[in-house]
Amino acid sequence: MKLRPPGPSYNRQQEADRVRQIEQADRDNHKRGKDIEVGAARLILTDTVTEQRYALRIASGVLGIEPL
């Protein structure tokens, strides 16, 4: 996240925009110690030996991988 530098004087609207941007970024981040629900996004893993990338998927309760 890149925030613009503050202006030379306090501006209530700019500060409200800055706080809103920080809060949105905080909501979008995954937190340690919390469950993670990916939703429509994919969970991508990389094989440490071959460096091949895979997406995890579940179909009818069966966990599978899909090469990317």
PDB file of N, CA and C in Angstrom:
ATOM      1  N   MET A   1       0.848  -1.164   0.000  1.00  0.00           N
ATOM      2  CA  MET A   1       0.000   0.000   0.000  1.00  0.00           C
ATOM      3  C   MET A   1       0.896   1.230   0.000  1.00  0.00           C
ATOM      4  N   LYS A   2       0.565   2.160  -0.829  1.00  0.00           N
ATOM      5  CA  LYS A   2       1.318   3.409  -0.916  1.00  0.00           C
ATOM      6  C   LYS A   2       0.375   4.564  -0.596  1.00  0.00           C
ATOM      7  N   LEU A   3       0.626   5.232   0.504  1.00  0.00           N
ATOM      8  CA  LEU A   3      -0.170   6.392   0.894  1.00  0.00           C
ATOM      9  C   LEU A   3       0.530   7.656   0.414  1.00  0.00           C
ATOM     10  N   ARG A   4      -0.269   8.636   0.014  1.00  0.00           N
ATOM     11  CA  ARG A   4       0.376   9.887  -0.385  1.00  0.00           C
ATOM     12  C   ARG A   4       0.820  10.624   0.876  1.00  0.00           C
ATOM     13  N   PRO A   5       1.869  11.410   0.738  1.00  0.00           N
ATOM     14  CA  PRO A   5       2.372  12.130   1.908  1.00  0.00           C
ATOM     15  C   PRO A   5       1.351  13.154   2.394  1.00  0.00           C
ATOM     16  N   PRO A   6       1.362  13.444   3.681  1.00  0.00           N
ATOM     17  CA  PRO A   6       0.399  14.420   4.207  1.00  0.00           C
ATOM     18  C   PRO A   6       0.681  15.818   3.643  1.00  0.00           C
ATOM     19  N   GLY A   7      -0.358  16.593   3.551  1.00  0.00           N
ATOM     20  CA  GLY A   7      -0.213  17.964   3.075  1.00  0.00           C
ATOM     21  C   GLY A   7       0.428  18.850   4.122  1.00  0.00           C
ATOM     22  N   PRO A   8       0.692  20.108   3.771  1.00  0.00           N
ATOM     23  CA  PRO A   8       1.358  21.019   4.709  1.00  0.00           C
ATOM     24  C   PRO A   8       0.473  21.412   5.894  1.00  0.00           C
ATOM     25  N   SER A   9      -0.839  21.253   5.737  1.00  0.00           N
ATOM     26  CA  SER A   9      -1.738  21.553   6.847  1.00  0.00           C
ATOM     27  C   SER A   9      -2.790  20.442   6.952  1.00  0.00           C
ATOM     28  N   TYR A  10      -3.395  20.333   8.118  1.00  0.00           N
ATOM     29  CA  TYR A  10      -4.395  19.287   8.356  1.00  0.00           C
ATOM     30  C   TYR A  10      -5.621  19.513   7.478  1.00  0.00           C
ATOM     31  N   ASN A  11      -6.059  18.425   6.834  1.00  0.00           N
ATOM     32  CA  ASN A  11      -7.261  18.476   6.006  1.00  0.00           C
ATOM     33  C   ASN A  11      -8.131  17.312   6.430  1.00  0.00           C
ATOM     34  N   ARG A  12      -9.289  17.613   6.974  1.00  0.00           N
ATOM     35  CA  ARG A  12     -10.180  16.583   7.523  1.00  0.00           C
ATOM     36  C   ARG A  12     -10.552  15.533   6.467  1.00  0.00           C
ATOM     37  N   GLN A  13     -10.876  15.934   5.251  1.00  0.00           N
ATOM     38  CA  GLN A  13     -11.278  14.993   4.195  1.00  0.00           C
ATOM     39  C   GLN A  13     -10.117  14.090   3.786  1.00  0.00           C
ATOM     40  N   GLN A  14      -8.912  14.669   3.648  1.00  0.00           N
ATOM     41  CA  GLN A  14      -7.743  13.856   3.304  1.00  0.00           C
ATOM     42  C   GLN A  14      -7.441  12.836   4.398  1.00  0.00           C
ATOM     43  N   GLU A  15      -7.591  13.244   5.649  1.00  0.00           N
ATOM     44  CA  GLU A  15      -7.354  12.323   6.765  1.00  0.00           C
ATOM     45  C   GLU A  15      -8.394  11.211   6.774  1.00  0.00           C
ATOM     46  N   ALA A  16      -9.651  11.530   6.486  1.00  0.00           N
ATOM     47  CA  ALA A  16     -10.699  10.506   6.425  1.00  0.00           C
ATOM     48  C   ALA A  16     -10.411   9.521   5.292  1.00  0.00           C
ATOM     49  N   ASP A  17      -9.968  10.023   4.142  1.00  0.00           N
ATOM     50  CA  ASP A  17      -9.612   9.149   3.017  1.00  0.00           C
ATOM     51  C   ASP A  17      -8.433   8.250   3.381  1.00  0.00           C
ATOM     52  N   ARG A  18      -7.453   8.815   4.069  1.00  0.00           N
ATOM     53  CA  ARG A  18      -6.263   8.059   4.490  1.00  0.00           C
ATOM     54  C   ARG A  18      -6.654   6.931   5.447  1.00  0.00           C
ATOM     55  N   VAL A  19      -7.493   7.239   6.426  1.00  0.00           N
ATOM     56  CA  VAL A  19      -7.947   6.228   7.392  1.00  0.00           C
ATOM     57  C   VAL A  19      -8.750   5.143   6.677  1.00  0.00           C
ATOM     58  N   ARG A  20      -9.634   5.529   5.766  1.00  0.00           N
ATOM     59  CA  ARG A  20     -10.437   4.556   5.021  1.00  0.00           C
ATOM     60  C   ARG A  20      -9.532   3.619   4.201  1.00  0.00           C
ATOM     61  N   GLN A  21      -8.495   4.171   3.564  1.00  0.00           N
ATOM     62  CA  GLN A  21      -7.573   3.362   2.776  1.00  0.00           C
ATOM     63  C   GLN A  21      -6.812   2.372   3.670  1.00  0.00           C
ATOM     64  N   ILE A  22      -6.364   2.818   4.835  1.00  0.00           N
ATOM     65  CA  ILE A  22      -5.656   1.935   5.770  1.00  0.00           C
ATOM     66  C   ILE A  22      -6.588   0.837   6.279  1.00  0.00           C
ATOM     67  N   GLU A  23      -7.817   1.185   6.641  1.00  0.00           N
ATOM     68  CA  GLU A  23      -8.767   0.187   7.136  1.00  0.00           C
ATOM     69  C   GLU A  23      -9.111  -0.838   6.062  1.00  0.00           C
ATOM     70  N   GLN A  24      -9.261  -0.405   4.807  1.00  0.00           N
ATOM     71  CA  GLN A  24      -9.556  -1.343   3.715  1.00  0.00           C
ATOM     72  C   GLN A  24      -8.388  -2.304   3.515  1.00  0.00           C
ATOM     73  N   ALA A  25      -7.171  -1.799   3.528  1.00  0.00           N
ATOM     74  CA  ALA A  25      -5.993  -2.656   3.373  1.00  0.00           C
ATOM     75  C   ALA A  25      -5.901  -3.649   4.532  1.00  0.00           C
ATOM     76  N   ASP A  26      -6.230  -3.206   5.736  1.00  0.00           N
ATOM     77  CA  ASP A  26      -6.199  -4.092   6.900  1.00  0.00           C
ATOM     78  C   ASP A  26      -7.222  -5.215   6.757  1.00  0.00           C
ATOM     79  N   ARG A  27      -8.418  -4.896   6.245  1.00  0.00           N
ATOM     80  CA  ARG A  27      -9.444  -5.938   6.044  1.00  0.00           C
ATOM     81  C   ARG A  27      -9.014  -6.946   4.984  1.00  0.00           C
ATOM     82  N   ASP A  28      -8.261  -6.501   3.976  1.00  0.00           N
ATOM     83  CA  ASP A  28      -7.846  -7.374   2.888  1.00  0.00           C
ATOM     84  C   ASP A  28      -6.689  -8.293   3.265  1.00  0.00           C
ATOM     85  N   ASN A  29      -5.986  -7.987   4.348  1.00  0.00           N
ATOM     86  CA  ASN A  29      -4.844  -8.799   4.774  1.00  0.00           C
ATOM     87  C   ASN A  29      -5.301 -10.016   5.563  1.00  0.00           C
ATOM     88  N   HIS A  30      -4.570 -11.128   5.404  1.00  0.00           N
ATOM     89  CA  HIS A  30      -4.826 -12.315   6.213  1.00  0.00           C
ATOM     90  C   HIS A  30      -4.152 -12.132   7.559  1.00  0.00           C
ATOM     91  N   LYS A  31      -4.827 -12.532   8.606  1.00  0.00           N
ATOM     92  CA  LYS A  31      -4.316 -12.370   9.963  1.00  0.00           C
ATOM     93  C   LYS A  31      -3.794 -13.704  10.491  1.00  0.00           C
ATOM     94  N   ARG A  32      -2.721 -13.657  11.226  1.00  0.00           N
ATOM     95  CA  ARG A  32      -2.190 -14.861  11.861  1.00  0.00           C
ATOM     96  C   ARG A  32      -3.157 -15.319  12.932  1.00  0.00           C
ATOM     97  N   GLY A  33      -3.297 -16.639  13.067  1.00  0.00           N
ATOM     98  CA  GLY A  33      -4.154 -17.191  14.109  1.00  0.00           C
ATOM     99  C   GLY A  33      -5.639 -17.130  13.791  1.00  0.00           C
ATOM    100  N   LYS A  34      -5.987 -16.789  12.569  1.00  0.00           N
ATOM    101  CA  LYS A  34      -7.389 -16.705  12.150  1.00  0.00           C
ATOM    102  C   LYS A  34      -7.626 -17.661  10.993  1.00  0.00           C
ATOM    103  N   ASP A  35      -8.860 -18.151  10.867  1.00  0.00           N
ATOM    104  CA  ASP A  35      -9.217 -18.986   9.722  1.00  0.00           C
ATOM    105  C   ASP A  35      -9.108 -18.158   8.444  1.00  0.00           C
ATOM    106  N   ILE A  36      -8.750 -18.821   7.364  1.00  0.00           N
ATOM    107  CA  ILE A  36      -8.655 -18.156   6.069  1.00  0.00           C
ATOM    108  C   ILE A  36      -9.646 -18.799   5.121  1.00  0.00           C
ATOM    109  N   GLU A  37     -10.562 -18.015   4.593  1.00  0.00           N
ATOM    110  CA  GLU A  37     -11.488 -18.500   3.578  1.00  0.00           C
ATOM    111  C   GLU A  37     -11.124 -17.808   2.276  1.00  0.00           C
ATOM    112  N   VAL A  38     -10.721 -18.589   1.299  1.00  0.00           N
ATOM    113  CA  VAL A  38     -10.240 -18.033   0.043  1.00  0.00           C
ATOM    114  C   VAL A  38     -11.398 -17.595  -0.839  1.00  0.00           C
ATOM    115  N   GLY A  39     -12.530 -18.270  -0.762  1.00  0.00           N
ATOM    116  CA  GLY A  39     -13.680 -17.909  -1.591  1.00  0.00           C
ATOM    117  C   GLY A  39     -13.438 -18.272  -3.042  1.00  0.00           C
ATOM    118  N   ALA A  40     -13.662 -17.329  -3.942  1.00  0.00           N
ATOM    119  CA  ALA A  40     -13.505 -17.593  -5.376  1.00  0.00           C
ATOM    120  C   ALA A  40     -12.042 -17.567  -5.812  1.00  0.00           C
ATOM    121  N   ALA A  41     -11.153 -17.065  -4.956  1.00  0.00           N
ATOM    122  CA  ALA A  41      -9.729 -17.013  -5.302  1.00  0.00           C
ATOM    123  C   ALA A  41      -9.130 -18.420  -5.231  1.00  0.00           C
ATOM    124  N   ARG A  42      -7.924 -18.568  -5.749  1.00  0.00           N
ATOM    125  CA  ARG A  42      -7.238 -19.864  -5.714  1.00  0.00           C
ATOM    126  C   ARG A  42      -6.104 -19.827  -4.698  1.00  0.00           C
ATOM    127  N   LEU A  43      -5.792 -20.989  -4.123  1.00  0.00           N
ATOM    128  CA  LEU A  43      -4.629 -21.133  -3.265  1.00  0.00           C
ATOM    129  C   LEU A  43      -3.532 -21.733  -4.136  1.00  0.00           C
ATOM    130  N   ILE A  44      -2.473 -20.969  -4.370  1.00  0.00           N
ATOM    131  CA  ILE A  44      -1.397 -21.374  -5.262  1.00  0.00           C
ATOM    132  C   ILE A  44      -0.191 -21.808  -4.429  1.00  0.00           C
ATOM    133  N   LEU A  45       0.341 -22.988  -4.740  1.00  0.00           N
ATOM    134  CA  LEU A  45       1.541 -23.505  -4.082  1.00  0.00           C
ATOM    135  C   LEU A  45       2.589 -23.794  -5.148  1.00  0.00           C
ATOM    136  N   THR A  46       3.873 -23.664  -4.770  1.00  0.00           N
ATOM    137  CA  THR A  46       4.966 -23.930  -5.702  1.00  0.00           C
ATOM    138  C   THR A  46       5.790 -25.095  -5.187  1.00  0.00           C
ATOM    139  N   ASP A  47       6.040 -26.071  -6.052  1.00  0.00           N
ATOM    140  CA  ASP A  47       6.886 -27.218  -5.732  1.00  0.00           C
ATOM    141  C   ASP A  47       8.306 -26.703  -5.498  1.00  0.00           C
ATOM    142  N   THR A  48       8.903 -27.041  -4.349  1.00  0.00           N
ATOM    143  CA  THR A  48      10.228 -26.512  -4.011  1.00  0.00           C
ATOM    144  C   THR A  48      11.346 -27.107  -4.854  1.00  0.00           C
ATOM    145  N   VAL A  49      11.110 -28.260  -5.473  1.00  0.00           N
ATOM    146  CA  VAL A  49      12.142 -28.898  -6.293  1.00  0.00           C
ATOM    147  C   VAL A  49      12.020 -28.454  -7.747  1.00  0.00           C
ATOM    148  N   THR A  50      10.840 -28.602  -8.321  1.00  0.00           N
ATOM    149  CA  THR A  50      10.654 -28.316  -9.742  1.00  0.00           C
ATOM    150  C   THR A  50      10.227 -26.873 -10.013  1.00  0.00           C
ATOM    151  N   GLU A  51       9.822 -26.176  -8.977  1.00  0.00           N
ATOM    152  CA  GLU A  51       9.295 -24.809  -9.076  1.00  0.00           C
ATOM    153  C   GLU A  51       8.015 -24.724  -9.910  1.00  0.00           C
ATOM    154  N   GLN A  52       7.369 -25.879 -10.136  1.00  0.00           N
ATOM    155  CA  GLN A  52       6.069 -25.911 -10.813  1.00  0.00           C
ATOM    156  C   GLN A  52       5.021 -25.366  -9.859  1.00  0.00           C
ATOM    157  N   ARG A  53       4.131 -24.552 -10.380  1.00  0.00           N
ATOM    158  CA  ARG A  53       3.066 -23.963  -9.565  1.00  0.00           C
ATOM    159  C   ARG A  53       1.801 -24.802  -9.713  1.00  0.00           C
ATOM    160  N   TYR A  54       1.069 -24.957  -8.593  1.00  0.00           N
ATOM    161  CA  TYR A  54      -0.175 -25.729  -8.561  1.00  0.00           C
ATOM    162  C   TYR A  54      -1.249 -24.939  -7.831  1.00  0.00           C
ATOM    163  N   ALA A  55      -2.472 -25.134  -8.242  1.00  0.00           N
ATOM    164  CA  ALA A  55      -3.626 -24.585  -7.530  1.00  0.00           C
ATOM    165  C   ALA A  55      -4.318 -25.733  -6.813  1.00  0.00           C
ATOM    166  N   LEU A  56      -4.654 -25.543  -5.538  1.00  0.00           N
ATOM    167  CA  LEU A  56      -5.428 -26.543  -4.805  1.00  0.00           C
ATOM    168  C   LEU A  56      -6.891 -26.375  -5.163  1.00  0.00           C
ATOM    169  N   ARG A  57      -7.606 -27.485  -5.256  1.00  0.00           N
ATOM    170  CA  ARG A  57      -9.042 -27.416  -5.513  1.00  0.00           C
ATOM    171  C   ARG A  57      -9.723 -28.589  -4.825  1.00  0.00           C
ATOM    172  N   ILE A  58     -10.989 -28.440  -4.545  1.00  0.00           N
ATOM    173  CA  ILE A  58     -11.788 -29.509  -3.945  1.00  0.00           C
ATOM    174  C   ILE A  58     -13.013 -29.719  -4.810  1.00  0.00           C
ATOM    175  N   ALA A  59     -13.238 -30.979  -5.192  1.00  0.00           N
ATOM    176  CA  ALA A  59     -14.422 -31.342  -5.978  1.00  0.00           C
ATOM    177  C   ALA A  59     -15.081 -32.527  -5.290  1.00  0.00           C
ATOM    178  N   SER A  60     -16.316 -32.363  -4.880  1.00  0.00           N
ATOM    179  CA  SER A  60     -17.064 -33.413  -4.175  1.00  0.00           C
ATOM    180  C   SER A  60     -16.313 -33.933  -2.962  1.00  0.00           C
ATOM    181  N   GLY A  61     -15.652 -33.041  -2.247  1.00  0.00           N
ATOM    182  CA  GLY A  61     -14.949 -33.423  -1.025  1.00  0.00           C
ATOM    183  C   GLY A  61     -13.564 -34.012  -1.257  1.00  0.00           C
ATOM    184  N   VAL A  62     -13.113 -34.087  -2.506  1.00  0.00           N
ATOM    185  CA  VAL A  62     -11.794 -34.648  -2.814  1.00  0.00           C
ATOM    186  C   VAL A  62     -10.815 -33.515  -3.097  1.00  0.00           C
ATOM    187  N   LEU A  63      -9.704 -33.489  -2.356  1.00  0.00           N
ATOM    188  CA  LEU A  63      -8.687 -32.467  -2.544  1.00  0.00           C
ATOM    189  C   LEU A  63      -7.800 -32.856  -3.718  1.00  0.00           C
ATOM    190  N   GLY A  64      -7.604 -31.928  -4.629  1.00  0.00           N
ATOM    191  CA  GLY A  64      -6.754 -32.198  -5.792  1.00  0.00           C
ATOM    192  C   GLY A  64      -5.867 -31.016  -6.091  1.00  0.00           C
ATOM    193  N   ILE A  65      -4.931 -31.228  -6.996  1.00  0.00           N
ATOM    194  CA  ILE A  65      -4.071 -30.133  -7.438  1.00  0.00           C
ATOM    195  C   ILE A  65      -4.223 -29.983  -8.953  1.00  0.00           C
ATOM    196  N   GLU A  66      -4.030 -28.773  -9.387  1.00  0.00           N
ATOM    197  CA  GLU A  66      -4.161 -28.459 -10.808  1.00  0.00           C
ATOM    198  C   GLU A  66      -2.909 -27.696 -11.223  1.00  0.00           C
ATOM    199  N   PRO A  67      -2.109 -28.237 -12.144  1.00  0.00           N
ATOM    200  CA  PRO A  67      -0.900 -27.518 -12.566  1.00  0.00           C
ATOM    201  C   PRO A  67      -1.277 -26.199 -13.261  1.00  0.00           C
ATOM    202  N   LEU A  68      -0.455 -25.214 -13.049  1.00  0.00           N
ATOM    203  CA  LEU A  68      -0.686 -23.907 -13.682  1.00  0.00           C
ATOM    204  C   LEU A  68       0.317 -23.653 -14.780  1.00  0.00           C
TER     205      LEU A  68
END
